[in-house]
């Protein structure tokens, strides 16, 4: 049923991330799908330039730490290593998720979300933005 599952994660939100990953791994095992983890950092010209040029020593410490944490998260999944990939992006989570979804040909996005509160009511959440704008199916996990 699914061939490629995109799981946007916030490595600082362990509970949300773990809930989404649990569902994605379960579905991947059922359908023999690949799982791609994506973490989106806020945009910064200095970070993007050093990242694009591959200068590890000049990367922002936050992006280096995020990349290490993302790799550890991917390595810890209960799936064969050839079925797991990950990437780090910079910018708006909603926009970057849509871009990566198209690039990897994801046929499902699994994203964690917490109960709505006044902030998400007024500003909207990342999950709600993805549900509204995604061109593929979205599973929101609470």
Protein backbone atom coordinates (compact mmCIF):
# COMPACT_ATOMS: atom_id res chain seq x y z
CA UNK A 1 0.00 0.00 0.00
CA UNK A 2 2.72 2.52 0.95
CA UNK A 3 6.11 2.68 -0.68
CA UNK A 4 7.58 5.77 0.95
CA UNK A 5 6.62 7.33 4.27
CA UNK A 6 7.82 10.81 5.23
CA UNK A 7 8.04 11.50 8.96
CA UNK A 8 8.69 15.14 9.81
CA UNK A 9 10.20 15.20 13.29
CA UNK A 10 11.12 17.82 15.83
CA UNK A 11 14.09 16.34 17.63
CA UNK A 12 13.40 18.65 20.58
CA UNK A 13 9.88 17.24 20.98
CA UNK A 14 10.64 13.66 21.98
CA UNK A 15 7.06 12.60 22.76
CA UNK A 16 5.62 13.91 19.48
CA UNK A 17 8.50 12.42 17.52
CA UNK A 18 8.29 9.01 19.16
CA UNK A 19 4.53 8.78 18.65
CA UNK A 20 4.81 9.56 14.95
CA UNK A 21 7.78 7.21 14.47
CA UNK A 22 5.96 4.35 16.18
CA UNK A 23 3.11 4.61 13.69
CA UNK A 24 5.40 5.06 10.70
CA UNK A 25 7.52 2.02 11.60
CA UNK A 26 4.40 -0.09 12.10
CA UNK A 27 3.04 0.92 8.68
CA UNK A 28 6.43 0.46 7.03
CA UNK A 29 6.69 -3.08 8.35
CA UNK A 30 3.18 -3.89 7.11
CA UNK A 31 3.77 -2.53 3.63
CA UNK A 32 7.54 -2.90 3.20
CA UNK A 33 7.82 0.88 2.79
CA UNK A 34 10.84 3.10 3.16
CA UNK A 35 10.82 5.67 6.00
CA UNK A 36 12.38 9.09 5.57
CA UNK A 37 12.86 11.31 8.64
CA UNK A 38 12.99 15.08 8.13
CA UNK A 39 13.90 17.79 10.60
CA UNK A 40 13.43 21.43 9.59
CA UNK A 41 15.49 24.20 11.18
CA UNK A 42 14.66 27.92 10.95
CA UNK A 43 16.35 29.62 8.03
CA UNK A 44 19.69 31.37 8.44
CA UNK A 45 21.90 32.43 5.54
CA UNK A 46 25.11 31.52 7.36
CA UNK A 47 23.84 28.06 8.21
CA UNK A 48 22.56 27.40 4.69
CA UNK A 49 25.80 28.53 3.04
CA UNK A 50 28.03 26.43 5.27
CA UNK A 51 25.68 23.44 4.97
CA UNK A 52 25.52 23.66 1.18
CA UNK A 53 29.28 24.00 0.86
CA UNK A 54 29.93 21.09 3.22
CA UNK A 55 32.05 23.04 5.68
CA UNK A 56 31.33 21.09 8.84
CA UNK A 57 33.59 23.32 10.92
CA UNK A 58 31.54 26.40 9.96
CA UNK A 59 28.10 24.94 10.42
CA UNK A 60 25.98 26.43 13.12
CA UNK A 61 26.23 24.34 16.29
CA UNK A 62 22.47 23.84 16.31
CA UNK A 63 22.48 22.33 12.84
CA UNK A 64 25.42 20.05 13.66
CA UNK A 65 23.65 18.84 16.81
CA UNK A 66 20.35 18.43 14.93
CA UNK A 67 22.04 16.36 12.24
CA UNK A 68 23.73 14.12 14.83
CA UNK A 69 20.45 13.63 16.70
CA UNK A 70 18.59 12.90 13.47
CA UNK A 71 21.16 10.29 12.45
CA UNK A 72 20.94 8.63 15.89
CA UNK A 73 17.14 8.61 15.62
CA UNK A 74 17.28 7.02 12.15
CA UNK A 75 19.86 4.46 13.27
CA UNK A 76 17.62 3.48 16.20
CA UNK A 77 14.57 2.57 14.12
CA UNK A 78 13.49 -1.06 14.15
CA UNK A 79 13.81 -1.29 10.36
CA UNK A 80 16.57 -2.46 8.01
CA UNK A 81 19.06 0.36 7.43
CA UNK A 82 18.39 0.31 3.68
CA UNK A 83 14.73 1.17 4.43
CA UNK A 84 15.57 4.31 6.43
CA UNK A 85 16.86 7.69 5.32
CA UNK A 86 16.90 11.16 6.80
CA UNK A 87 17.55 14.76 5.91
CA UNK A 88 17.83 18.18 7.45
CA UNK A 89 16.23 21.22 5.82
CA UNK A 90 16.11 24.94 6.52
CA UNK A 91 13.03 27.15 6.27
CA UNK A 92 9.30 26.87 6.87
CA UNK A 93 8.34 23.37 8.06
CA UNK A 94 5.19 23.28 5.92
CA UNK A 95 7.04 24.32 2.76
CA UNK A 96 10.08 22.11 3.32
CA UNK A 97 7.91 19.08 4.11
CA UNK A 98 6.02 19.59 0.84
CA UNK A 99 9.28 19.89 -1.10
CA UNK A 100 10.86 16.78 0.43
CA UNK A 101 7.60 14.85 0.03
CA UNK A 102 7.78 15.47 -3.71
CA UNK A 103 11.51 14.77 -3.94
CA UNK A 104 11.28 11.35 -2.31
CA UNK A 105 7.90 10.44 -3.81
CA UNK A 106 6.27 9.94 -0.41
CA UNK A 107 2.78 8.53 -0.54
CA UNK A 108 2.14 9.16 3.17
CA UNK A 109 3.21 11.78 5.70
CA UNK A 110 3.06 10.76 9.37
CA UNK A 111 3.32 13.71 11.74
CA UNK A 112 2.90 14.12 15.48
CA UNK A 113 0.66 16.81 16.93
CA UNK A 114 -0.42 17.79 20.38
CA UNK A 115 -3.87 18.82 21.51
CA UNK A 116 -4.86 22.19 20.06
CA UNK A 117 -4.50 25.16 22.38
CA UNK A 118 -5.01 28.91 22.07
CA UNK A 119 -1.68 29.36 20.24
CA UNK A 120 -2.50 26.78 17.59
CA UNK A 121 -6.04 28.13 17.35
CA UNK A 122 -4.77 31.63 16.52
CA UNK A 123 -1.64 30.77 14.51
CA UNK A 124 -2.28 27.22 13.35
CA UNK A 125 0.06 24.31 13.91
CA UNK A 126 2.61 22.73 11.58
CA UNK A 127 0.40 19.65 11.37
CA UNK A 128 -2.66 21.65 10.35
CA UNK A 129 -0.69 23.50 7.68
CA UNK A 130 0.61 20.22 6.29
CA UNK A 131 -2.86 18.67 6.24
CA UNK A 132 -4.18 21.71 4.36
CA UNK A 133 -1.42 21.95 1.75
CA UNK A 134 -0.06 18.44 1.25
CA UNK A 135 -0.61 16.69 -2.06
CA UNK A 136 -0.50 13.29 -0.39
CA UNK A 137 -2.24 11.55 2.51
CA UNK A 138 -1.36 12.76 6.01
CA UNK A 139 -1.70 10.76 9.23
CA UNK A 140 -1.72 13.03 12.28
CA UNK A 141 -0.75 11.18 15.45
CA UNK A 142 -1.62 12.40 18.93
